[in-house]
Protein backbone atom coordinates (compact mmCIF):
# COMPACT_ATOMS: atom_id res chain seq x y z
CA MET A 1 0.00 0.00 0.00
CA LEU A 2 1.04 3.63 -0.50
CA SER A 3 2.13 6.03 2.25
CA GLY A 4 -0.45 7.01 4.83
CA ILE A 5 -3.13 9.70 4.81
CA ASN A 6 -5.87 10.93 7.09
CA ALA A 7 -9.47 10.38 5.96
CA LEU A 8 -12.45 12.50 6.97
CA VAL A 9 -16.15 11.61 6.83
CA ILE A 10 -18.42 14.62 7.28
CA GLY A 11 -21.82 13.62 8.63
CA VAL A 12 -21.80 10.11 10.09
CA GLY A 13 -25.53 9.64 10.27
CA TYR A 14 -27.18 6.54 8.80
CA PHE A 15 -25.39 6.66 5.43
CA GLY A 16 -22.16 8.23 6.63
CA ARG A 17 -21.52 5.38 9.07
CA HIS A 18 -21.38 2.92 6.16
CA HIS A 19 -18.68 5.05 4.52
CA ALA A 20 -16.72 5.32 7.78
CA ARG A 21 -16.84 1.58 8.54
CA ILE A 22 -15.59 0.73 5.06
CA LEU A 23 -12.70 3.20 5.41
CA ALA A 24 -11.82 1.86 8.85
CA ALA A 25 -11.50 -1.69 7.52
CA LEU A 26 -9.62 -1.02 4.26
CA ASN A 27 -6.06 -1.31 5.60
CA ALA A 28 -6.61 -4.97 6.43
CA LYS A 29 -7.50 -5.68 2.80
CA ASP A 30 -3.97 -4.67 1.73
CA ILE A 31 -4.99 -3.10 -1.57
CA PRO A 32 -1.67 -2.05 -3.17
CA THR A 33 -3.09 0.86 -5.20
CA ILE A 34 -4.51 2.84 -2.25
CA PRO A 35 -2.82 4.69 0.62
CA VAL A 36 -2.84 3.46 4.21
CA ILE A 37 -5.54 5.18 6.28
CA GLU A 38 -3.65 6.46 9.32
CA ASN A 39 -6.37 8.39 11.15
CA LEU A 40 -10.11 8.40 10.46
CA ILE A 41 -11.99 11.52 11.53
CA VAL A 42 -15.79 11.33 11.74
CA THR A 43 -18.07 14.29 12.34
CA ARG A 44 -21.56 15.17 13.46
CA THR A 45 -22.93 18.56 14.41
CA ARG A 46 -22.37 17.72 18.10
CA HIS A 47 -19.03 16.48 19.39
CA ASP A 48 -20.50 13.93 21.82
CA ARG A 49 -22.46 12.26 19.02
CA ALA A 50 -19.42 12.21 16.76
CA GLU A 51 -17.31 10.67 19.52
CA SER A 52 -19.99 8.03 20.15
CA VAL A 53 -19.79 6.95 16.50
CA ALA A 54 -15.99 7.09 16.60
CA ALA A 55 -15.93 4.83 19.67
CA SER A 56 -18.24 2.32 18.01
CA ILE A 57 -16.01 2.12 14.93
CA ARG A 58 -12.82 2.12 17.02
CA ASN A 59 -14.03 -0.88 19.03
CA SER A 60 -15.11 -2.87 15.99
CA SER A 61 -13.10 -6.02 15.26
CA SER A 62 -12.73 -4.92 11.62
CA CYS A 63 -11.13 -1.54 12.44
CA SER A 64 -7.57 -1.37 11.11
CA VAL A 65 -6.70 2.35 11.38
CA LYS A 66 -4.40 3.89 13.99
CA ALA A 67 -7.08 6.16 15.46
CA VAL A 68 -10.75 7.05 14.99
CA ILE A 69 -11.46 10.61 16.08
CA GLY A 70 -14.80 12.33 16.63
CA ALA A 71 -15.16 16.03 15.75
CA ALA A 72 -17.97 18.57 15.57
CA VAL A 73 -18.78 20.07 12.17
CA GLY A 74 -22.04 21.93 11.81
CA ASN A 75 -21.00 24.77 9.52
CA ALA A 76 -18.29 25.84 7.09
CA PRO A 77 -16.02 27.58 9.66
CA GLN A 78 -15.97 24.42 11.80
CA LEU A 79 -15.16 22.36 8.70
CA VAL A 80 -12.30 24.68 7.77
CA SER A 81 -10.87 24.26 11.26
CA VAL A 82 -11.03 20.44 11.08
CA LEU A 83 -9.50 20.46 7.59
CA LYS A 84 -6.59 22.63 8.75
CA GLN A 85 -5.97 20.39 11.76
CA TYR A 86 -6.03 17.00 10.02
CA ARG A 87 -5.32 17.84 6.33
CA PRO A 88 -7.21 14.78 5.00
CA GLY A 89 -6.08 13.13 1.78
CA LEU A 90 -9.69 12.03 1.29
CA THR A 91 -12.86 13.74 2.48
CA ILE A 92 -16.24 12.04 2.15
CA ILE A 93 -19.24 14.38 2.39
CA THR A 94 -22.54 12.83 3.51
CA ALA A 95 -23.94 15.71 5.60
CA ARG A 96 -27.29 17.39 5.05
CA ASP A 97 -28.05 20.87 6.34
CA LYS A 98 -31.48 21.79 7.78
CA ARG A 99 -31.28 25.22 6.16
CA ILE A 100 -29.76 24.65 2.72
CA GLY A 101 -30.30 20.90 2.39
CA ASP A 102 -28.07 19.06 -0.06
CA SER A 103 -26.40 22.28 -1.22
CA ILE A 104 -24.09 21.77 1.76
CA HIS A 105 -22.33 19.14 -0.38
CA ALA A 106 -21.20 21.76 -2.88
CA GLU A 107 -20.23 24.31 -0.22
CA TYR A 108 -18.16 21.79 1.73
CA THR A 109 -16.52 20.41 -1.43
CA ILE A 110 -15.04 23.83 -2.21
CA HIS A 111 -13.19 23.79 1.11
CA ALA A 112 -12.19 20.10 1.16
CA LEU A 113 -10.70 20.01 -2.35
CA LYS A 114 -7.86 22.24 -1.18
CA TYR A 115 -6.48 19.28 0.78
CA GLY A 116 -7.06 16.20 -1.39
CA ALA A 117 -9.65 13.99 -3.03
CA VAL A 118 -13.36 14.36 -2.29
CA LEU A 119 -16.17 11.81 -2.56
CA CYS A 120 -19.58 13.44 -2.25
CA GLU A 121 -22.95 11.82 -1.67
CA LYS A 122 -25.55 12.62 -4.33
CA PRO A 123 -26.93 15.04 -5.28
CA PHE A 124 -24.08 17.50 -5.55
CA SER A 125 -26.47 20.36 -4.80
CA HIS A 126 -30.14 21.20 -4.57
CA ALA A 127 -31.57 22.08 -8.00
CA SER A 128 -34.02 24.97 -8.26
CA GLY A 129 -34.70 24.98 -12.01
CA ASP A 130 -32.90 28.26 -12.69
CA GLY A 131 -29.47 26.71 -13.21
CA SER A 132 -28.00 28.51 -10.20
CA SER A 133 -26.52 25.32 -8.72
CA LEU A 134 -24.29 24.99 -11.80
CA ARG A 135 -22.25 28.00 -10.70
CA TYR A 136 -20.43 25.83 -8.19
CA PHE A 137 -18.66 24.06 -11.05
CA ASP A 138 -16.95 27.28 -12.12
CA ASP A 139 -15.36 27.44 -8.68
CA LEU A 140 -14.43 23.75 -8.67
CA CYS A 141 -12.63 23.97 -11.98
CA THR A 142 -10.18 26.49 -10.49
CA PHE A 143 -8.70 23.74 -8.29
CA GLU A 144 -5.92 21.50 -9.50
CA ASN A 145 -7.53 18.80 -7.33
CA ALA A 146 -10.83 19.04 -9.24
CA ARG A 147 -9.94 15.91 -11.19
CA PHE A 148 -9.91 14.06 -7.86
CA PHE A 149 -13.56 14.89 -7.16
CA GLY A 150 -16.13 12.09 -7.30
CA LEU A 151 -19.89 11.76 -6.81
CA GLU A 152 -20.99 8.64 -4.94
CA LEU A 153 -23.54 6.93 -7.20
CA PRO A 154 -23.71 3.18 -6.48
CA LEU A 155 -25.65 2.43 -9.64
CA ALA A 156 -22.94 4.03 -11.76
CA VAL A 157 -20.84 1.02 -10.76
CA VAL A 158 -23.71 -1.23 -11.87
CA SER A 159 -23.98 0.64 -15.19
CA ARG A 160 -20.27 0.16 -15.82
CA ASP A 161 -20.53 -3.57 -15.14
CA MET A 162 -23.65 -3.85 -17.31
CA MET A 163 -21.80 -2.38 -20.26
CA ASN A 164 -18.91 -4.80 -19.64
CA ASP A 165 -21.31 -7.75 -19.84
CA PRO A 166 -21.73 -8.72 -23.54
CA ASN A 167 -25.35 -9.88 -23.20
CA LEU A 168 -26.55 -6.89 -21.18
CA ARG A 169 -24.61 -4.47 -23.40
CA ARG A 170 -26.31 -5.94 -26.47
CA ILE A 171 -29.76 -5.67 -24.89
CA ILE A 172 -29.19 -2.02 -23.95
CA ARG A 173 -27.68 -1.00 -27.30
CA GLN A 174 -30.46 -2.66 -29.33
CA ALA A 175 -33.27 -1.31 -27.15
CA ARG A 176 -36.26 0.40 -28.72
CA ARG A 177 -37.78 1.57 -25.42
CA LEU A 178 -36.50 1.92 -21.87
CA GLU A 179 -38.58 2.24 -18.71
CA PHE A 180 -37.61 2.69 -15.05
CA TYR A 181 -39.78 2.22 -11.97
CA TRP A 182 -38.28 3.47 -8.70
CA GLU A 183 -39.82 3.42 -5.24
CA ALA A 184 -38.61 4.77 -1.91
CA TRP A 185 -39.98 4.04 1.54
CA ASP A 186 -39.97 7.67 2.57
CA ARG A 187 -38.79 10.68 0.64
CA GLY A 188 -38.32 12.65 3.88
CA GLU A 189 -38.07 16.40 3.31
CA ASN A 190 -36.81 16.07 -0.27
CA ASN A 191 -38.81 16.50 -3.43
CA ILE A 192 -39.31 13.03 -4.91
CA ILE A 193 -37.41 14.01 -8.07
CA ASP A 194 -34.42 15.29 -6.06
CA ASP A 195 -34.47 12.17 -3.93
CA LEU A 196 -34.78 9.48 -6.61
CA ALA A 197 -34.15 10.68 -10.17
CA LEU A 198 -30.36 10.28 -10.16
CA HIS A 199 -30.58 6.56 -9.37
CA PRO A 200 -32.13 5.49 -12.70
CA TRP A 201 -30.22 8.27 -14.51
CA SER A 202 -26.92 6.82 -13.30
CA LEU A 203 -27.82 3.48 -14.88
CA LEU A 204 -27.70 5.15 -18.30
CA PRO A 205 -24.36 4.81 -20.11
CA PRO A 206 -22.31 8.06 -20.07
CA THR A 207 -22.53 8.08 -23.89
CA VAL A 208 -26.31 8.71 -23.74
CA ASN A 209 -27.71 12.24 -24.00
CA THR A 210 -31.05 13.06 -22.36
CA ASN A 211 -33.69 15.32 -23.87
CA ILE A 212 -36.49 15.79 -21.34
CA GLN A 213 -39.93 15.96 -22.94
CA LYS A 214 -42.32 16.12 -20.00
CA VAL A 215 -42.25 16.07 -16.20
CA GLU A 216 -45.36 15.29 -14.16
CA ASP A 217 -44.66 15.92 -10.47
CA CYS A 218 -47.58 14.90 -8.26
CA GLY A 219 -45.82 15.19 -4.91
CA GLN A 220 -45.81 11.55 -3.85
CA SER A 221 -44.95 10.43 -7.37
CA ALA A 222 -43.46 11.75 -10.61
CA ARG A 223 -43.47 10.57 -14.20
CA ILE A 224 -40.70 11.74 -16.52
CA LEU A 225 -40.68 11.33 -20.30
CA ILE A 226 -37.27 11.52 -21.97
CA ASN A 227 -35.82 11.05 -25.43
CA LEU A 228 -32.43 9.37 -25.25
CA TYR A 229 -29.72 9.59 -27.90
CA ASN A 230 -26.73 7.23 -27.88
CA GLN A 231 -23.67 9.00 -29.24
CA GLN A 232 -21.88 5.70 -29.98
CA THR A 233 -24.66 3.96 -31.91
CA GLY A 234 -26.39 7.06 -33.31
CA ARG A 235 -29.72 5.62 -32.15
CA GLY A 236 -32.47 7.29 -30.19
CA LEU A 237 -35.13 5.74 -27.97
CA PRO A 238 -37.92 6.89 -25.68
CA CYS A 239 -37.50 6.49 -21.93
CA VAL A 240 -40.00 6.72 -19.07
CA MET A 241 -39.02 7.15 -15.41
CA THR A 242 -41.67 6.55 -12.75
CA LEU A 243 -40.65 7.70 -9.27
CA THR A 244 -42.93 7.05 -6.31
CA VAL A 245 -43.26 6.39 -2.60
CA GLY A 246 -43.75 2.68 -1.99
CA PRO A 247 -42.40 -0.53 -0.46
CA GLY A 248 -39.06 -0.15 -2.22
CA PHE A 249 -39.35 -2.01 -5.54
CA ARG A 250 -36.84 -0.81 -8.14
CA GLY A 251 -36.38 -2.03 -11.67
CA LEU A 252 -36.15 -1.34 -15.37
CA MET A 253 -37.72 -2.71 -18.52
CA VAL A 254 -35.79 -2.86 -21.79
CA ASP A 255 -38.38 -3.57 -24.50
CA ASP A 256 -40.02 -6.73 -23.11
CA VAL A 257 -37.19 -7.68 -20.71
CA THR A 258 -37.96 -6.78 -17.08
CA ILE A 259 -35.12 -6.55 -14.57
CA GLY A 260 -35.64 -6.10 -10.84
CA ILE A 261 -32.92 -4.53 -8.71
CA LYS A 262 -32.16 -6.12 -5.35
CA SER A 263 -29.72 -4.45 -2.98
CA ASP A 264 -28.42 -4.93 0.53
CA ALA A 265 -25.49 -3.56 2.51
CA SER A 266 -22.85 -5.32 0.44
CA ARG A 267 -24.14 -6.02 -3.08
CA ILE A 268 -26.59 -5.19 -5.83
CA GLN A 269 -28.21 -7.89 -7.96
CA LEU A 270 -30.02 -7.51 -11.29
CA ILE A 271 -32.75 -10.15 -11.51
CA ARG A 272 -34.75 -11.04 -14.61
CA LEU A 273 -38.50 -11.10 -13.96
CA ASN A 274 -41.19 -12.79 -16.01
CA GLN A 275 -43.78 -10.00 -16.01
CA PRO A 276 -44.10 -6.37 -17.15
CA LEU A 277 -42.44 -3.73 -15.00
CA GLU A 278 -45.44 -2.04 -13.36
CA LYS A 279 -47.13 -5.40 -12.71
CA ALA A 280 -43.90 -6.62 -11.11
CA ALA A 281 -43.83 -3.50 -8.95
CA LYS A 282 -47.36 -4.23 -7.67
CA THR A 283 -46.87 -7.94 -7.05
CA ALA A 284 -43.20 -8.38 -6.17
CA SER A 285 -41.64 -7.53 -2.84
CA LYS A 286 -38.89 -4.93 -2.64
CA LEU A 287 -36.47 -7.87 -2.87
CA PRO A 288 -37.52 -9.68 -6.07
CA THR A 289 -36.55 -13.27 -6.82
CA GLY A 290 -35.64 -14.81 -10.17
CA LYS A 291 -32.67 -15.45 -12.42
CA ILE A 292 -29.67 -13.28 -11.47
CA VAL A 293 -28.21 -11.68 -14.60
CA LEU A 294 -25.62 -9.49 -12.85
CA GLU A 295 -24.21 -9.20 -9.33
CA VAL A 296 -22.07 -6.30 -8.16
CA ASP A 297 -20.23 -6.64 -4.86
CA ASN A 298 -20.10 -3.61 -2.58
CA PRO A 299 -20.45 -0.68 -5.02
CA LEU A 300 -19.98 1.79 -2.15
CA GLU A 301 -16.57 0.30 -1.39
CA LYS A 302 -15.71 0.45 -5.09
CA ASN A 303 -16.53 4.18 -5.12
CA ILE A 304 -14.39 4.75 -2.02
CA VAL A 305 -11.42 2.77 -3.37
CA ALA A 306 -11.65 4.66 -6.69
CA ALA A 307 -11.62 7.96 -4.77
CA LEU A 308 -8.55 6.84 -2.79
CA CYS A 309 -6.87 5.94 -6.11
CA ARG A 310 -7.83 9.44 -7.32
CA ARG A 311 -9.67 7.92 -10.27
CA PRO A 312 -13.32 8.54 -9.33
CA ILE A 313 -15.98 6.44 -11.02
CA VAL A 314 -18.23 9.52 -11.37
CA GLY A 315 -15.90 12.45 -11.97
CA LEU A 316 -16.46 16.18 -12.25
CA ARG A 317 -17.83 16.16 -15.80
CA ARG A 318 -20.35 13.40 -15.07
CA THR A 319 -21.29 15.15 -11.82
CA TYR A 320 -22.00 18.32 -13.80
CA GLU A 321 -24.20 16.28 -16.15
CA SER A 322 -26.09 14.86 -13.17
CA GLN A 323 -26.71 18.35 -11.80
CA LEU A 324 -27.76 19.63 -15.23
CA PHE A 325 -30.22 16.73 -15.45
CA LEU A 326 -31.76 17.67 -12.08
CA GLU A 327 -31.97 21.35 -13.06
CA ALA A 328 -33.67 20.37 -16.35
CA LEU A 329 -36.22 18.25 -14.47
CA HIS A 330 -37.15 21.40 -12.54
CA GLY A 331 -37.54 23.45 -15.74
CA TYR A 332 -34.06 24.70 -16.60
CA PRO A 333 -33.58 24.88 -20.40
CA ALA A 334 -30.68 22.45 -20.72
């Protein structure tokens, strides 16, 4: 392994703890292309809560770092102080602010990129439909470290593996119609489009352009009509994304081939189903059963390892495209 660095996880709530536990265990895997994690710093808005998470990770049998440190970060000045003290070679941003929501990701990225690589939970920023969130990218591009920025999209790893599978690649490239159906248990305070749309979007190959035709946002559900154009094949096809609150079924339909998506803490499986997509969504559980056509082990760990290698799976350009897609869904003329 390479020489050691400090790693920082900002916001170790439900999702952030997964990131921190993976980082804490990486040294034991002896991956030669990544640096040793010397110290792992985890933050919450209150120091006592951060230290409680740090102690839990520190006492885990899988922890292989020298020290796990809890710190309080509830605003940009506190973050700047922690960054100056520990100078992390990797910062993972999973925080959400009560006032500005997911836009905290963009604000914190600007500070963290001065010290090393950054892996940011999606979305990069809240989209308002006026394109204002895109201004952050002008600031990012001034940093030499901008090429070390990555957006954490687990299904981007699945998309990459799909296109490396000859059978799945053929099915996608020959498609005449593509449909996604995506449920979430609870959208929380987020708009359902902000909360869910990037998941099916990240399954699209990076060579596909999106031309949004219609967005129907009904609060608890949304239906999005898109024309896709594949730059490699020169072919276009219609695409429908249905986003809704529900038990958690997620899947896609390529022509008459229905694929359910099953995920747990360590893997994502693509499972072929023998019924149309919306019927499958009504009758199948959130964990569908059938023939497994693709299995991807620990996509979150793959995103973290790629960030440590400074070769992010979803880099700055693709992150910009994801933000432009969200802005367009809210009415921005992309």
